[in-house]
Structures are given as C-alpha cells and as structure tokens.
Amino acid sequence: MNSTPSLGQDPPQAESNLPDQDPLTNDIFLGGGIRLRQPRHGYRFSIDAVILAGSLHPRPGDSMVDLGTGCGIVPILLSHRWPSVRIWGVEVQAELAAVAVENVRTNAMEPQVTILNADLRDVSAGLLGGPVDWVVANPPYRRGRSGRVNPNCQRALARHEIAMTLPDLVAAARRLLKTGGRFVAIYGAERTADLLFHMRSGHIEPKRLQAIQPDPQSNARLILVEGIKDGKPGAALVPPLIIREGSGRYSTEIDKMFSR
C-alpha cells in the first residue's frame, strides 16, 4: 500500500458551534478511553459503526476518510487504536459535524482527525492534500423515501438515501482513493447486489465479503464489503461475524471491538 500523501495545509474544518435544539448525552466507551457526545433525540451511532471501525487494519502512516461520519465515532475509534493514521471525517449535516468537532477536541485527537462539514459529492482528493489509502462508510441502507421515513431529519438522512445515493458514495470513494486503495462499507444485506454492482461499475473491485448475523440462527442483516480501486477480479467470502451468541451476550469478536 502506498505511503500517506503529502498533506500540505489542512482545509478549514467544521465549526464547533454545538446545536441548541437537541440536548446532547455524554457517553463513555472503551473503559473510559473515549468520551463521546451525541444528540439525545437525533442521530445516534449504532453497532454498525463499531463493527466498521473494528474491522479495519490500516498500516502505520496510512490516510483514511470516513464518509458520513455523524458524531465522529469511526474516526475517533480509529484514532484511539491507530495513533499514526491520518483521518478525515466528512459530514453534510452542520449540527452533527459540530458535535464531531467537539468530540475530536474532547478526546485530544487533533490534528490526527479533521472533521469537514461538506457534501461528499463535493470533496476532492486535492482538499485532503492528495489521494488517500482508505475510504470507509456506514451509509444509509434504504432507497430514497421508501417505507416510513423518520420525522427526525438527522435519523432520516442516516437511514434513507436522501442526501446521497449509493452511486454518489462509490463515485466519491473512487475519486478520493489512490490506485490500489481500499474502500470498506457496512451495508444492508438485502442490498448486497446493489453495492457490488456499483463498486464494480466504479472500478472498485470487491475483494472481501463478510456477512454479519444478529445471532447464529438468524440470517445476515448486514454485509461488510472491502474493495480495491482498480483491483483484479477475485473475492473471498470469509466466515460470518456473529453479534450475539445464543445466550444473548455479545460474541467474543464484538466484545473485543467494545473493549479495545
């Protein structure tokens, strides 16, 4: 994998004016190693983000972009585990971007982590100082306004393709990645074919697929897919990740993701 690009001068990051209309909760993770504020009633991160961050293994000095970073949970987890990696979080909603900036500052992760309040369709590699090694995402699973749309705007944008579409996401990943760079997304299992189609159409070759099951007896509800920009064909279907064992407790793999 290529070394990290020359960063140059960082682009302006999101302002840290926290929203007044939705009170924030104060949460502690990783045995107190991370402190995180989130909107009490708006978008709150789910286990999807924990699994995404826990599944990544960057090399020292790698550069990464998290598209749709929300409160900044994925960059913050990655920064905690991989202190030599340079990370950008991109969030279109100004209120969430402001929360993410505050979380980065609270956890003393500047300048390793930079939050950009921007539409992913407008972000270029030049804004980051050059192409990056990784682009990761936990995008909305549901098409447009299909089904019941949550009346809370933050939650609706996180669950439905309102502010972005799957082709938008893949196009942004291709635009930001180095040749040979990796795109990793956690997505709804029922839309696996859509994700693979758009990745291959965007010349990001799917290389690793992992089903994510709520428990050993249930069908997968999520899929974790890793692809390589301009990679050669050939994908591996690895053993599934089980969230909870039959007893209802988190599996050993998930427990590790919450504790380290």
Protein backbone atom coordinates (compact mmCIF):
# COMPACT_ATOMS: atom_id res chain seq x y z
CA MET A 1 0.00 0.00 0.00
CA ASN A 2 1.23 3.48 -0.81
CA SER A 3 2.52 5.76 1.89
CA THR A 4 0.47 8.66 3.20
CA PRO A 5 0.19 11.65 0.84
CA SER A 6 1.81 14.99 1.46
CA LEU A 7 -0.85 16.73 3.47
CA GLY A 8 0.09 20.35 2.92
CA GLN A 9 -2.21 22.87 4.61
CA ASP A 10 -5.36 21.33 6.06
CA PRO A 11 -8.69 22.57 4.69
CA PRO A 12 -10.92 24.52 7.09
CA GLN A 13 -12.68 22.09 9.40
CA ALA A 14 -16.23 22.25 10.70
CA GLU A 15 -17.06 24.87 13.29
CA SER A 16 -17.68 23.62 16.82
CA ASN A 17 -20.93 25.51 17.47
CA LEU A 18 -22.98 22.81 19.13
CA PRO A 19 -26.72 22.60 18.38
CA ASP A 20 -29.10 24.11 20.93
CA GLN A 21 -32.31 22.40 19.83
CA ASP A 22 -31.32 18.84 20.75
CA PRO A 23 -29.59 18.20 24.10
CA LEU A 24 -26.50 16.04 23.99
CA THR A 25 -25.73 12.96 26.04
CA ASN A 26 -22.27 12.22 27.44
CA ASP A 27 -21.22 8.63 26.86
CA ILE A 28 -18.07 6.71 27.82
CA PHE A 29 -16.56 3.90 25.74
CA LEU A 30 -13.57 1.57 25.79
CA GLY A 31 -13.29 1.59 29.56
CA GLY A 32 -13.22 5.37 29.71
CA GLY A 33 -10.70 5.73 26.90
CA ILE A 34 -13.21 7.63 24.76
CA ARG A 35 -15.78 10.22 25.75
CA LEU A 36 -18.48 10.98 23.22
CA ARG A 37 -21.34 13.44 22.98
CA GLN A 38 -24.37 12.60 20.83
CA PRO A 39 -27.78 14.17 20.16
CA ARG A 40 -30.28 12.72 22.61
CA HIS A 41 -33.13 12.61 20.10
CA GLY A 42 -31.38 12.90 16.71
CA TYR A 43 -28.95 10.56 15.01
CA ARG A 44 -27.03 8.30 17.39
CA PHE A 45 -24.46 5.84 16.16
CA SER A 46 -25.25 2.11 16.20
CA ILE A 47 -23.22 -1.08 16.45
CA ASP A 48 -22.70 -0.83 12.68
CA ALA A 49 -20.13 1.93 13.23
CA VAL A 50 -18.35 -0.08 15.96
CA ILE A 51 -18.12 -3.09 13.64
CA LEU A 52 -16.85 -0.97 10.75
CA ALA A 53 -14.09 0.60 12.84
CA GLY A 54 -13.21 -2.71 14.47
CA SER A 55 -12.82 -4.44 11.11
CA LEU A 56 -10.17 -2.06 9.76
CA HIS A 57 -6.44 -2.69 9.99
CA PRO A 58 -4.54 0.24 8.47
CA ARG A 59 -0.77 0.37 8.25
CA PRO A 60 1.27 2.97 10.14
CA GLY A 61 1.11 6.27 8.31
CA ASP A 62 -1.96 5.41 6.24
CA SER A 63 -4.55 8.07 5.40
CA MET A 64 -8.30 7.48 5.73
CA VAL A 65 -11.62 9.19 5.02
CA ASP A 66 -14.91 8.34 6.74
CA LEU A 67 -17.83 9.44 4.55
CA GLY A 68 -20.91 10.36 6.58
CA THR A 69 -19.08 10.47 9.89
CA GLY A 70 -22.03 11.60 12.06
CA CYS A 71 -20.73 12.39 15.55
CA GLY A 72 -17.24 11.26 14.52
CA ILE A 73 -17.37 7.83 16.15
CA VAL A 74 -15.48 5.92 13.43
CA PRO A 75 -12.53 8.38 13.15
CA ILE A 76 -12.33 8.59 16.95
CA LEU A 77 -12.26 4.80 17.38
CA LEU A 78 -9.68 4.50 14.62
CA SER A 79 -7.53 7.27 16.10
CA HIS A 80 -7.64 5.58 19.50
CA ARG A 81 -6.47 2.25 18.04
CA TRP A 82 -4.15 3.50 15.30
CA PRO A 83 -2.50 6.73 16.53
CA SER A 84 -0.22 7.08 13.49
CA VAL A 85 -3.07 7.14 10.95
CA ARG A 86 -4.34 10.44 9.48
CA ILE A 87 -8.15 10.57 9.30
CA TRP A 88 -10.80 12.88 7.86
CA GLY A 89 -14.49 12.63 8.72
CA VAL A 90 -16.94 14.12 6.21
CA GLU A 91 -20.43 15.08 7.40
CA VAL A 92 -23.03 17.05 5.42
CA GLN A 93 -25.21 17.99 8.42
CA ALA A 94 -23.76 21.05 10.14
CA GLU A 95 -25.19 20.14 13.56
CA LEU A 96 -23.63 16.68 13.55
CA ALA A 97 -20.34 18.00 12.15
CA ALA A 98 -20.17 20.46 15.06
CA VAL A 99 -20.71 17.62 17.53
CA ALA A 100 -17.98 15.60 15.80
CA VAL A 101 -15.52 18.51 16.07
CA GLU A 102 -16.25 18.80 19.78
CA ASN A 103 -15.75 15.04 20.24
CA VAL A 104 -12.39 15.17 18.47
CA ARG A 105 -11.26 18.01 20.73
CA THR A 106 -12.56 16.35 23.90
CA ASN A 107 -10.56 13.22 23.09
CA ALA A 108 -7.43 15.24 22.18
CA MET A 109 -7.27 13.78 18.68
CA GLU A 110 -6.30 16.93 16.80
CA PRO A 111 -4.62 17.21 14.35
CA GLN A 112 -4.78 13.47 13.62
CA VAL A 113 -8.53 13.74 12.96
CA THR A 114 -10.13 16.55 10.94
CA ILE A 115 -13.89 16.94 10.52
CA LEU A 116 -15.19 18.51 7.32
CA ASN A 117 -18.72 19.87 7.11
CA ALA A 118 -19.23 19.09 3.41
CA ASP A 119 -21.29 17.15 0.90
CA LEU A 120 -19.33 14.03 -0.06
CA ARG A 121 -20.12 14.82 -3.70
CA ASP A 122 -18.04 17.99 -3.39
CA VAL A 123 -14.99 16.57 -1.61
CA SER A 124 -11.91 16.08 -3.79
CA ALA A 125 -8.54 14.47 -3.13
CA GLY A 126 -6.96 17.90 -3.53
CA LEU A 127 -8.88 19.11 -0.48
CA LEU A 128 -7.14 16.39 1.54
CA GLY A 129 -3.66 17.02 0.19
CA GLY A 130 -3.82 14.06 -2.20
CA PRO A 131 -5.47 10.66 -2.67
CA VAL A 132 -5.87 8.50 0.42
CA ASP A 133 -5.26 4.85 1.31
CA TRP A 134 -8.71 4.09 2.71
CA VAL A 135 -12.28 5.32 2.28
CA VAL A 136 -14.81 3.86 4.71
CA ALA A 137 -18.55 4.35 5.12
CA ASN A 138 -21.63 3.26 7.01
CA PRO A 139 -24.13 4.70 4.51
CA PRO A 140 -27.95 4.80 4.54
CA TYR A 141 -29.37 1.41 3.57
CA ARG A 142 -32.83 2.41 2.38
CA ARG A 143 -33.67 3.83 -1.01
CA GLY A 144 -34.87 7.43 -1.18
CA ARG A 145 -38.09 7.83 0.73
CA SER A 146 -39.10 4.16 0.61
CA GLY A 147 -41.06 2.93 3.60
CA ARG A 148 -41.67 5.04 6.68
CA VAL A 149 -39.27 7.97 6.91
CA ASN A 150 -38.34 9.03 10.43
CA PRO A 151 -39.69 12.53 11.19
CA ASN A 152 -36.37 13.40 12.81
CA CYS A 153 -34.24 14.85 9.99
CA GLN A 154 -30.92 13.51 11.34
CA ARG A 155 -32.24 9.98 11.62
CA ALA A 156 -33.98 10.14 8.24
CA LEU A 157 -30.79 11.22 6.46
CA ALA A 158 -28.82 8.47 8.21
CA ARG A 159 -31.25 5.72 7.16
CA HIS A 160 -32.51 6.77 3.73
CA GLU A 161 -30.73 7.84 0.53
CA ILE A 162 -31.98 11.41 0.73
CA ALA A 163 -28.78 13.49 0.85
CA MET A 164 -26.75 10.92 -1.12
CA THR A 165 -27.18 7.76 -3.18
CA LEU A 166 -25.12 4.60 -3.42
CA PRO A 167 -23.65 5.69 -6.80
CA ASP A 168 -22.70 9.04 -5.16
CA LEU A 169 -20.88 7.18 -2.40
CA VAL A 170 -18.94 4.87 -4.69
CA ALA A 171 -18.03 7.75 -7.02
CA ALA A 172 -16.68 9.72 -4.04
CA ALA A 173 -14.66 6.72 -2.87
CA ARG A 174 -13.10 6.26 -6.29
CA ARG A 175 -12.33 9.99 -6.55
CA LEU A 176 -10.55 10.06 -3.18
CA LEU A 177 -8.64 6.77 -3.29
CA LYS A 178 -5.17 6.07 -4.55
CA THR A 179 -4.85 3.32 -7.13
CA GLY A 180 -4.78 0.19 -5.00
CA GLY A 181 -6.52 1.99 -2.14
CA ARG A 182 -9.26 0.26 -0.18
CA PHE A 183 -12.96 1.04 0.13
CA VAL A 184 -14.80 -0.59 3.04
CA ALA A 185 -18.54 -0.27 3.65
CA ILE A 186 -21.03 -1.86 6.01
CA TYR A 187 -24.41 -2.10 4.33
CA GLY A 188 -27.83 -3.75 4.49
CA ALA A 189 -27.52 -7.40 3.45
CA GLU A 190 -30.65 -7.20 1.29
CA ARG A 191 -28.86 -4.67 -0.92
CA THR A 192 -25.62 -6.61 -1.32
CA ALA A 193 -26.15 -6.98 -5.08
CA ASP A 194 -26.61 -3.20 -5.45
CA LEU A 195 -23.41 -2.46 -3.55
CA LEU A 196 -21.33 -4.97 -5.52
CA PHE A 197 -22.77 -3.76 -8.82
CA HIS A 198 -21.94 -0.12 -8.16
CA MET A 199 -18.49 -0.93 -6.79
CA ARG A 200 -17.53 -2.93 -9.87
CA SER A 201 -19.10 -0.30 -12.17
CA GLY A 202 -16.95 2.29 -10.38
CA HIS A 203 -13.79 0.18 -10.86
CA ILE A 204 -13.57 -0.71 -7.18
CA GLU A 205 -13.22 -4.47 -7.28
CA PRO A 206 -14.91 -6.32 -4.38
CA LYS A 207 -12.26 -8.44 -2.65
CA ARG A 208 -13.65 -9.46 0.76
CA LEU A 209 -17.24 -10.06 1.87
CA GLN A 210 -18.40 -10.85 5.39
CA ALA A 211 -21.99 -11.46 6.45
CA ILE A 212 -23.00 -10.03 9.84
CA GLN A 213 -25.63 -12.03 11.72
CA PRO A 214 -27.57 -10.90 14.81
CA ASP A 215 -27.11 -14.42 16.26
CA PRO A 216 -26.03 -17.87 15.00
CA GLN A 217 -29.55 -18.88 13.95
CA SER A 218 -30.58 -15.71 12.08
CA ASN A 219 -29.97 -14.65 8.52
CA ALA A 220 -27.47 -11.86 7.96
CA ARG A 221 -28.89 -8.34 8.18
CA LEU A 222 -25.66 -6.58 7.33
CA ILE A 223 -22.75 -7.16 4.96
CA LEU A 224 -19.21 -5.84 5.27
CA VAL A 225 -17.55 -5.41 1.87
CA GLU A 226 -13.97 -4.40 1.13
CA GLY A 227 -12.85 -3.48 -2.37
CA ILE A 228 -9.68 -2.24 -4.07
CA LYS A 229 -9.58 0.60 -6.57
CA ASP A 230 -8.58 -0.84 -9.97
CA GLY A 231 -8.04 -4.23 -8.34
CA LYS A 232 -8.07 -7.53 -10.19
CA PRO A 233 -11.16 -9.79 -10.03
CA GLY A 234 -11.33 -12.34 -7.25
CA ALA A 235 -13.28 -12.09 -3.99
CA ALA A 236 -13.16 -14.05 -0.72
CA LEU A 237 -16.29 -14.84 1.29
CA VAL A 238 -14.99 -15.05 4.86
CA PRO A 239 -16.75 -16.62 7.87
CA PRO A 240 -19.67 -14.57 9.21
CA LEU A 241 -19.43 -12.19 12.14
CA ILE A 242 -21.93 -13.08 14.88
CA ILE A 243 -23.12 -10.17 17.03
CA ARG A 244 -24.69 -12.11 19.90
CA GLU A 245 -24.28 -15.71 20.99
CA GLY A 246 -27.22 -17.95 21.85
CA SER A 247 -27.10 -16.69 25.45
CA GLY A 248 -27.75 -13.15 24.26
CA ARG A 249 -24.29 -11.95 25.24
CA TYR A 250 -22.04 -10.24 22.71
CA SER A 251 -19.77 -12.64 20.86
CA THR A 252 -16.06 -12.64 21.65
CA GLU A 253 -15.32 -10.72 18.44
CA ILE A 254 -17.86 -7.98 19.18
CA ASP A 255 -16.81 -7.78 22.84
CA LYS A 256 -13.25 -7.06 21.72
CA MET A 257 -14.47 -4.22 19.50
CA PHE A 258 -16.12 -2.56 22.50
CA SER A 259 -13.20 -3.06 24.86
CA ARG A 260 -10.05 -2.11 22.96
